[in-house]
Amino acid sequence: MICKIKSRVDFSGIVNYANDIKAKSARVIGSNGVLLVSNRTIADSFEAQLRIPDSGGRVHHLSKPVKHISIAFSPKDTGRFPDNEEGDRFMEQIAREWMQEMGIDPDNTQYIIARHFDKDHPHCHLVFNRIANDGSVISDKFERRRNEEACKRIKKWHGLTFGKSNSREINLDRLHRYDAVRLEIRDIVLSAIDRAGTWKEFDDLLRANGITLHLCADKNTGRIRGLA
């Protein structure tokens, strides 16, 4: 099981992709808070929720309110996801478990889960709204690290195949040099995160491996917004 996360600006295009019946043989196997009459009504439902205020009366304007998660399973687990209602329910269950493990309440979140049949391995696409049903914002801080841990836990619970997603198991000779370096940096950073207890220790570990850490500040407010 591997989950890839993407942030998007517009709901319409990704809904059309996720629920592409003609090209992907897609079918919606789970949803919450959207009108499933057509792709247009699904997208409109998502868009309408962006205008819902939170408990303090504030309407949040996010530059990328759309989250698209592609959830792929090993071909070895194909038998766990038969092309029937039982297989659909198990895949939906895992997608909802992933949301919960990421700190997202499925019952307070607009989403659709669409299963595709255009590849040999079982897979589905989860699209959800970062504006929750109560108007609050669903955080995406440190989502990639949290995603890795969530996938590990879910695979362990259900006895799903652990694929060779670790970059140390990838044949770097087959990658372009840029991709190989990027994977090497990723390994170093993840290792430093696990070992460091403070920001200084994290910075020192990166520098020891030739990686420089920069704080990214907002030009107008001077507030720290992230790391590079």
C-alpha atoms as a PDB file:
ATOM      1  CA  MET A   1       0.000   0.000   0.000  1.00  0.00           C
ATOM      2  CA  ILE A   2       1.373   3.365  -1.045  1.00  0.00           C
ATOM      3  CA  CYS A   3      -0.437   6.701  -0.701  1.00  0.00           C
ATOM      4  CA  LYS A   4       0.641   9.678  -2.777  1.00  0.00           C
ATOM      5  CA  ILE A   5      -0.636  13.103  -1.731  1.00  0.00           C
ATOM      6  CA  LYS A   6      -1.238  16.038  -4.041  1.00  0.00           C
ATOM      7  CA  SER A   7      -2.709  19.472  -3.335  1.00  0.00           C
ATOM      8  CA  ARG A   8      -4.842  21.115  -5.989  1.00  0.00           C
ATOM      9  CA  VAL A   9      -6.604  24.390  -6.634  1.00  0.00           C
ATOM     10  CA  ASP A  10      -9.775  23.235  -8.392  1.00  0.00           C
ATOM     11  CA  PHE A  11     -12.209  20.416  -7.647  1.00  0.00           C
ATOM     12  CA  SER A  12     -13.703  20.065 -11.110  1.00  0.00           C
ATOM     13  CA  GLY A  13     -10.692  18.589 -12.903  1.00  0.00           C
ATOM     14  CA  ILE A  14      -9.737  16.092 -10.212  1.00  0.00           C
ATOM     15  CA  VAL A  15     -13.328  14.911  -9.772  1.00  0.00           C
ATOM     16  CA  ASN A  16     -13.531  14.274 -13.511  1.00  0.00           C
ATOM     17  CA  TYR A  17     -10.304  12.266 -13.292  1.00  0.00           C
ATOM     18  CA  ALA A  18     -11.211  10.324 -10.158  1.00  0.00           C
ATOM     19  CA  ASN A  19     -14.664   9.400 -11.451  1.00  0.00           C
ATOM     20  CA  ASP A  20     -13.711   8.850 -15.100  1.00  0.00           C
ATOM     21  CA  ILE A  21     -16.014   5.968 -15.965  1.00  0.00           C
ATOM     22  CA  LYS A  22     -14.997   5.742 -19.614  1.00  0.00           C
ATOM     23  CA  ALA A  23     -11.186   5.754 -19.387  1.00  0.00           C
ATOM     24  CA  LYS A  24     -10.679   4.385 -15.861  1.00  0.00           C
ATOM     25  CA  SER A  25     -13.779   2.191 -15.457  1.00  0.00           C
ATOM     26  CA  ALA A  26     -14.167   4.159 -12.242  1.00  0.00           C
ATOM     27  CA  ARG A  27     -16.891   3.752  -9.690  1.00  0.00           C
ATOM     28  CA  VAL A  28     -17.497   5.685  -6.475  1.00  0.00           C
ATOM     29  CA  ILE A  29     -17.217   3.294  -3.527  1.00  0.00           C
ATOM     30  CA  GLY A  30     -17.516   5.839  -0.739  1.00  0.00           C
ATOM     31  CA  SER A  31     -18.508   9.442  -0.166  1.00  0.00           C
ATOM     32  CA  ASN A  32     -19.651  11.963   2.385  1.00  0.00           C
ATOM     33  CA  GLY A  33     -21.370  15.320   2.003  1.00  0.00           C
ATOM     34  CA  VAL A  34     -21.525  15.465  -1.806  1.00  0.00           C
ATOM     35  CA  LEU A  35     -24.335  15.089  -4.328  1.00  0.00           C
ATOM     36  CA  LEU A  36     -23.491  12.070  -6.489  1.00  0.00           C
ATOM     37  CA  VAL A  37     -25.820  12.831  -9.420  1.00  0.00           C
ATOM     38  CA  SER A  38     -22.891  13.701 -11.704  1.00  0.00           C
ATOM     39  CA  ASN A  39     -19.280  14.867 -11.601  1.00  0.00           C
ATOM     40  CA  ARG A  40     -20.553  18.407 -11.917  1.00  0.00           C
ATOM     41  CA  THR A  41     -22.773  18.112  -8.823  1.00  0.00           C
ATOM     42  CA  ILE A  42     -19.920  16.492  -6.887  1.00  0.00           C
ATOM     43  CA  ALA A  43     -17.573  19.371  -7.742  1.00  0.00           C
ATOM     44  CA  ASP A  44     -20.284  21.941  -6.984  1.00  0.00           C
ATOM     45  CA  SER A  45     -20.821  20.346  -3.573  1.00  0.00           C
ATOM     46  CA  PHE A  46     -17.124  20.692  -2.788  1.00  0.00           C
ATOM     47  CA  GLU A  47     -17.039  24.287  -4.020  1.00  0.00           C
ATOM     48  CA  ALA A  48     -20.091  25.278  -1.987  1.00  0.00           C
ATOM     49  CA  GLN A  49     -18.475  24.091   1.237  1.00  0.00           C
ATOM     50  CA  LEU A  50     -15.550  26.482   0.748  1.00  0.00           C
ATOM     51  CA  ARG A  51     -17.914  29.295   1.756  1.00  0.00           C
ATOM     52  CA  ILE A  52     -18.965  27.728   5.093  1.00  0.00           C
ATOM     53  CA  PRO A  53     -17.753  29.764   8.126  1.00  0.00           C
ATOM     54  CA  ASP A  54     -16.112  28.151  11.133  1.00  0.00           C
ATOM     55  CA  SER A  55     -17.388  28.400  14.719  1.00  0.00           C
ATOM     56  CA  GLY A  56     -15.951  31.905  14.969  1.00  0.00           C
ATOM     57  CA  GLY A  57     -17.729  33.096  11.836  1.00  0.00           C
ATOM     58  CA  ARG A  58     -14.572  33.173   9.723  1.00  0.00           C
ATOM     59  CA  VAL A  59     -14.570  31.955   6.121  1.00  0.00           C
ATOM     60  CA  HIS A  60     -11.172  30.486   5.270  1.00  0.00           C
ATOM     61  CA  HIS A  61      -9.723  31.150   1.828  1.00  0.00           C
ATOM     62  CA  LEU A  62      -7.205  28.435   0.963  1.00  0.00           C
ATOM     63  CA  SER A  63      -5.084  28.670  -2.168  1.00  0.00           C
ATOM     64  CA  LYS A  64      -5.198  24.865  -2.535  1.00  0.00           C
ATOM     65  CA  PRO A  65      -8.282  23.505  -0.752  1.00  0.00           C
ATOM     66  CA  VAL A  66      -8.267  20.189  -2.650  1.00  0.00           C
ATOM     67  CA  LYS A  67      -6.463  17.071  -1.467  1.00  0.00           C
ATOM     68  CA  HIS A  68      -6.026  14.171  -3.883  1.00  0.00           C
ATOM     69  CA  ILE A  69      -4.705  10.898  -2.500  1.00  0.00           C
ATOM     70  CA  SER A  70      -3.913   8.004  -4.826  1.00  0.00           C
ATOM     71  CA  ILE A  71      -3.967   4.754  -2.840  1.00  0.00           C
ATOM     72  CA  ALA A  72      -2.258   1.824  -4.544  1.00  0.00           C
ATOM     73  CA  PHE A  73      -1.929  -1.750  -3.306  1.00  0.00           C
ATOM     74  CA  SER A  74       0.572  -4.437  -4.240  1.00  0.00           C
ATOM     75  CA  PRO A  75      -0.418  -6.856  -7.028  1.00  0.00           C
ATOM     76  CA  LYS A  76       0.203  -9.538  -4.407  1.00  0.00           C
ATOM     77  CA  ASP A  77      -2.842  -8.241  -2.528  1.00  0.00           C
ATOM     78  CA  THR A  78      -5.196  -8.364  -5.524  1.00  0.00           C
ATOM     79  CA  GLY A  79      -7.123 -11.243  -3.973  1.00  0.00           C
ATOM     80  CA  ARG A  80      -7.978  -9.043  -0.991  1.00  0.00           C
ATOM     81  CA  PHE A  81      -9.859  -6.635  -3.247  1.00  0.00           C
ATOM     82  CA  PRO A  82     -12.212  -8.653  -5.498  1.00  0.00           C
ATOM     83  CA  ASP A  83     -14.267  -6.778  -8.084  1.00  0.00           C
ATOM     84  CA  ASN A  84     -17.431  -6.907  -6.009  1.00  0.00           C
ATOM     85  CA  GLU A  85     -19.117  -5.236  -3.059  1.00  0.00           C
ATOM     86  CA  GLU A  86     -16.867  -7.014  -0.563  1.00  0.00           C
ATOM     87  CA  GLY A  87     -13.726  -5.731  -2.266  1.00  0.00           C
ATOM     88  CA  ASP A  88     -15.164  -2.225  -2.544  1.00  0.00           C
ATOM     89  CA  ARG A  89     -16.070  -2.114   1.152  1.00  0.00           C
ATOM     90  CA  PHE A  90     -12.596  -3.241   2.212  1.00  0.00           C
ATOM     91  CA  MET A  91     -10.948  -0.608   0.018  1.00  0.00           C
ATOM     92  CA  GLU A  92     -13.313   2.070   1.356  1.00  0.00           C
ATOM     93  CA  GLN A  93     -12.546   0.959   4.922  1.00  0.00           C
ATOM     94  CA  ILE A  94      -8.819   1.340   4.366  1.00  0.00           C
ATOM     95  CA  ALA A  95      -9.238   4.805   2.806  1.00  0.00           C
ATOM     96  CA  ARG A  96     -11.280   5.926   5.818  1.00  0.00           C
ATOM     97  CA  GLU A  97      -8.733   4.399   8.190  1.00  0.00           C
ATOM     98  CA  TRP A  98      -6.032   6.357   6.399  1.00  0.00           C
ATOM     99  CA  MET A  99      -7.976   9.570   6.990  1.00  0.00           C
ATOM    100  CA  GLN A 100      -8.390   8.772  10.666  1.00  0.00           C
ATOM    101  CA  GLU A 101      -4.702   7.947  11.055  1.00  0.00           C
ATOM    102  CA  MET A 102      -3.932  11.318   9.478  1.00  0.00           C
ATOM    103  CA  GLY A 103      -6.093  13.052  12.077  1.00  0.00           C
ATOM    104  CA  ILE A 104      -8.996  13.614   9.662  1.00  0.00           C
ATOM    105  CA  ASP A 105     -12.515  12.768  10.813  1.00  0.00           C
ATOM    106  CA  PRO A 106     -14.242  11.124   7.807  1.00  0.00           C
ATOM    107  CA  ASP A 107     -17.667  11.962   9.240  1.00  0.00           C
ATOM    108  CA  ASN A 108     -16.778  15.666   9.415  1.00  0.00           C
ATOM    109  CA  THR A 109     -15.144  15.787   5.980  1.00  0.00           C
ATOM    110  CA  GLN A 110     -16.429  16.008   2.414  1.00  0.00           C
ATOM    111  CA  TYR A 111     -14.880  13.284   0.293  1.00  0.00           C
ATOM    112  CA  ILE A 112     -15.287  10.774  -2.484  1.00  0.00           C
ATOM    113  CA  ILE A 113     -13.431   7.489  -2.930  1.00  0.00           C
ATOM    114  CA  ALA A 114     -13.339   6.242  -6.513  1.00  0.00           C
ATOM    115  CA  ARG A 115     -11.984   2.828  -7.447  1.00  0.00           C
ATOM    116  CA  HIS A 116     -10.155   2.426 -10.771  1.00  0.00           C
ATOM    117  CA  PHE A 117      -9.662  -0.685 -12.904  1.00  0.00           C
ATOM    118  CA  ASP A 118      -7.230   0.566 -15.559  1.00  0.00           C
ATOM    119  CA  LYS A 119      -4.105  -1.046 -14.039  1.00  0.00           C
ATOM    120  CA  ASP A 120      -3.069  -4.502 -12.904  1.00  0.00           C
ATOM    121  CA  HIS A 121      -2.848  -3.608  -9.214  1.00  0.00           C
ATOM    122  CA  PRO A 122      -5.803  -2.592  -7.010  1.00  0.00           C
ATOM    123  CA  HIS A 123      -6.028   1.142  -6.486  1.00  0.00           C
ATOM    124  CA  CYS A 124      -8.397   3.988  -5.732  1.00  0.00           C
ATOM    125  CA  HIS A 125      -8.437   7.764  -5.489  1.00  0.00           C
ATOM    126  CA  LEU A 126      -9.528   9.764  -2.461  1.00  0.00           C
ATOM    127  CA  VAL A 127     -10.515  13.396  -2.994  1.00  0.00           C
ATOM    128  CA  PHE A 128     -11.385  15.463   0.046  1.00  0.00           C
ATOM    129  CA  ASN A 129     -12.079  19.056   1.009  1.00  0.00           C
ATOM    130  CA  ARG A 130      -9.689  20.806   3.392  1.00  0.00           C
ATOM    131  CA  ILE A 131     -12.640  22.827   4.663  1.00  0.00           C
ATOM    132  CA  ALA A 132     -14.365  20.456   7.060  1.00  0.00           C
ATOM    133  CA  ASN A 133     -18.122  20.246   7.508  1.00  0.00           C
ATOM    134  CA  ASP A 134     -17.909  22.553  10.530  1.00  0.00           C
ATOM    135  CA  GLY A 135     -15.976  25.180   8.550  1.00  0.00           C
ATOM    136  CA  SER A 136     -12.614  24.460  10.195  1.00  0.00           C
ATOM    137  CA  VAL A 137      -9.430  23.893   8.209  1.00  0.00           C
ATOM    138  CA  ILE A 138      -7.953  20.392   7.970  1.00  0.00           C
ATOM    139  CA  SER A 139      -4.233  20.733   8.642  1.00  0.00           C
ATOM    140  CA  ASP A 140      -1.691  19.366   6.178  1.00  0.00           C
ATOM    141  CA  LYS A 141       1.395  20.055   8.290  1.00  0.00           C
ATOM    142  CA  PHE A 142       4.039  17.330   8.084  1.00  0.00           C
ATOM    143  CA  GLU A 143       1.594  15.293   6.014  1.00  0.00           C
ATOM    144  CA  ARG A 144       4.199  13.329   4.103  1.00  0.00           C
ATOM    145  CA  ARG A 145       5.896  12.018   7.215  1.00  0.00           C
ATOM    146  CA  ARG A 146       2.524  11.273   8.844  1.00  0.00           C
ATOM    147  CA  ASN A 147       1.427   9.525   5.666  1.00  0.00           C
ATOM    148  CA  GLU A 148       4.371   7.122   5.760  1.00  0.00           C
ATOM    149  CA  GLU A 149       3.618   6.166   9.353  1.00  0.00           C
ATOM    150  CA  ALA A 150      -0.113   5.805   8.670  1.00  0.00           C
ATOM    151  CA  CYS A 151       0.527   3.449   5.744  1.00  0.00           C
ATOM    152  CA  LYS A 152       2.863   1.305   7.830  1.00  0.00           C
ATOM    153  CA  ARG A 153       0.284   0.934  10.598  1.00  0.00           C
ATOM    154  CA  ILE A 154      -2.557   0.084   8.228  1.00  0.00           C
ATOM    155  CA  LYS A 155      -0.482  -2.489   6.339  1.00  0.00           C
ATOM    156  CA  LYS A 156       0.487  -4.117   9.617  1.00  0.00           C
ATOM    157  CA  TRP A 157      -3.117  -4.231  10.878  1.00  0.00           C
ATOM    158  CA  HIS A 158      -4.467  -5.898   7.759  1.00  0.00           C
ATOM    159  CA  GLY A 159      -1.456  -7.992   6.799  1.00  0.00           C
ATOM    160  CA  LEU A 160      -0.995  -6.174   3.493  1.00  0.00           C
ATOM    161  CA  THR A 161       2.202  -6.470   1.484  1.00  0.00           C
ATOM    162  CA  PHE A 162       5.050  -4.144   2.389  1.00  0.00           C
ATOM    163  CA  GLY A 163       6.409  -2.969  -0.954  1.00  0.00           C
ATOM    164  CA  LYS A 164       9.963  -1.871  -1.645  1.00  0.00           C
ATOM    165  CA  SER A 165       9.219   1.839  -1.459  1.00  0.00           C
ATOM    166  CA  ASN A 166      12.368   2.678   0.516  1.00  0.00           C
ATOM    167  CA  SER A 167      14.798   4.487  -1.750  1.00  0.00           C
ATOM    168  CA  ARG A 168      17.654   2.259  -0.515  1.00  0.00           C
ATOM    169  CA  GLU A 169      15.953  -0.641  -2.310  1.00  0.00           C
ATOM    170  CA  ILE A 170      15.609   1.229  -5.589  1.00  0.00           C
ATOM    171  CA  ASN A 171      18.153   0.673  -8.359  1.00  0.00           C
ATOM    172  CA  LEU A 172      19.642   4.146  -8.537  1.00  0.00           C
ATOM    173  CA  ASP A 173      21.442   3.320 -11.780  1.00  0.00           C
ATOM    174  CA  ARG A 174      18.071   3.305 -13.524  1.00  0.00           C
ATOM    175  CA  LEU A 175      17.150   6.760 -12.309  1.00  0.00           C
ATOM    176  CA  HIS A 176      18.089  10.107 -13.736  1.00  0.00           C
ATOM    177  CA  ARG A 177      20.842  11.721 -11.709  1.00  0.00           C
ATOM    178  CA  TYR A 178      18.500  14.404 -10.368  1.00  0.00           C
ATOM    179  CA  ASP A 179      16.027  11.804  -9.060  1.00  0.00           C
ATOM    180  CA  ALA A 180      18.819   9.766  -7.488  1.00  0.00           C
ATOM    181  CA  VAL A 181      20.150  12.796  -5.612  1.00  0.00           C
ATOM    182  CA  ARG A 182      16.657  13.738  -4.511  1.00  0.00           C
ATOM    183  CA  LEU A 183      16.076  10.270  -3.059  1.00  0.00           C
ATOM    184  CA  GLU A 184      19.442  10.400  -1.285  1.00  0.00           C
ATOM    185  CA  ILE A 185      18.510  13.740   0.283  1.00  0.00           C
ATOM    186  CA  ARG A 186      15.149  12.318   1.331  1.00  0.00           C
ATOM    187  CA  ASP A 187      16.844   9.421   3.148  1.00  0.00           C
ATOM    188  CA  ILE A 188      19.220  11.761   4.974  1.00  0.00           C
ATOM    189  CA  VAL A 189      16.415  14.116   6.029  1.00  0.00           C
ATOM    190  CA  LEU A 190      14.155  11.317   7.306  1.00  0.00           C
ATOM    191  CA  SER A 191      17.038   9.799   9.237  1.00  0.00           C
ATOM    192  CA  ALA A 192      17.873  13.178  10.778  1.00  0.00           C
ATOM    193  CA  ILE A 193      14.226  13.693  11.794  1.00  0.00           C
ATOM    194  CA  ASP A 194      14.252  10.404  13.668  1.00  0.00           C
ATOM    195  CA  ARG A 195      17.564  11.119  15.425  1.00  0.00           C
ATOM    196  CA  ALA A 196      17.284  14.828  16.234  1.00  0.00           C
ATOM    197  CA  GLY A 197      15.723  16.075  19.444  1.00  0.00           C
ATOM    198  CA  THR A 198      16.021  19.794  18.680  1.00  0.00           C
ATOM    199  CA  TRP A 199      16.105  22.036  15.610  1.00  0.00           C
ATOM    200  CA  LYS A 200      19.841  22.617  16.201  1.00  0.00           C
ATOM    201  CA  GLU A 201      20.545  18.869  16.225  1.00  0.00           C
ATOM    202  CA  PHE A 202      18.487  18.499  13.064  1.00  0.00           C
ATOM    203  CA  ASP A 203      20.437  21.316  11.381  1.00  0.00           C
ATOM    204  CA  ASP A 204      23.788  19.854  12.520  1.00  0.00           C
ATOM    205  CA  LEU A 205      22.943  16.387  11.172  1.00  0.00           C
ATOM    206  CA  LEU A 206      21.991  17.843   7.790  1.00  0.00           C
ATOM    207  CA  ARG A 207      25.112  19.993   7.581  1.00  0.00           C
ATOM    208  CA  ALA A 208      27.250  16.952   8.377  1.00  0.00           C
ATOM    209  CA  ASN A 209      25.845  15.430   5.186  1.00  0.00           C
ATOM    210  CA  GLY A 210      26.337  18.548   3.065  1.00  0.00           C
ATOM    211  CA  ILE A 211      22.724  19.770   3.279  1.00  0.00           C
ATOM    212  CA  THR A 212      21.966  23.339   4.314  1.00  0.00           C
ATOM    213  CA  LEU A 213      18.732  24.201   6.115  1.00  0.00           C
ATOM    214  CA  HIS A 214      17.002  27.528   5.491  1.00  0.00           C
ATOM    215  CA  LEU A 215      13.986  29.053   7.244  1.00  0.00           C
ATOM    216  CA  CYS A 216      11.445  30.487   4.820  1.00  0.00           C
ATOM    217  CA  ALA A 217       9.824  33.679   6.083  1.00  0.00           C
ATOM    218  CA  ASP A 218       6.839  35.626   4.811  1.00  0.00           C
ATOM    219  CA  LYS A 219       8.125  38.765   3.060  1.00  0.00           C
ATOM    220  CA  ASN A 220       5.341  40.918   4.506  1.00  0.00           C
ATOM    221  CA  THR A 221       5.077  39.682   8.092  1.00  0.00           C
ATOM    222  CA  GLY A 222       8.468  38.112   8.684  1.00  0.00           C
ATOM    223  CA  ARG A 223       6.803  35.026  10.159  1.00  0.00           C
ATOM    224  CA  ILE A 224       8.436  31.648   9.537  1.00  0.00           C
ATOM    225  CA  ARG A 225       6.335  29.657   7.043  1.00  0.00           C
ATOM    226  CA  GLY A 226       8.454  26.601   6.371  1.00  0.00           C
ATOM    227  CA  LEU A 227      11.827  25.053   5.689  1.00  0.00           C
ATOM    228  CA  ALA A 228      13.955  24.636   2.595  1.00  0.00           C
END
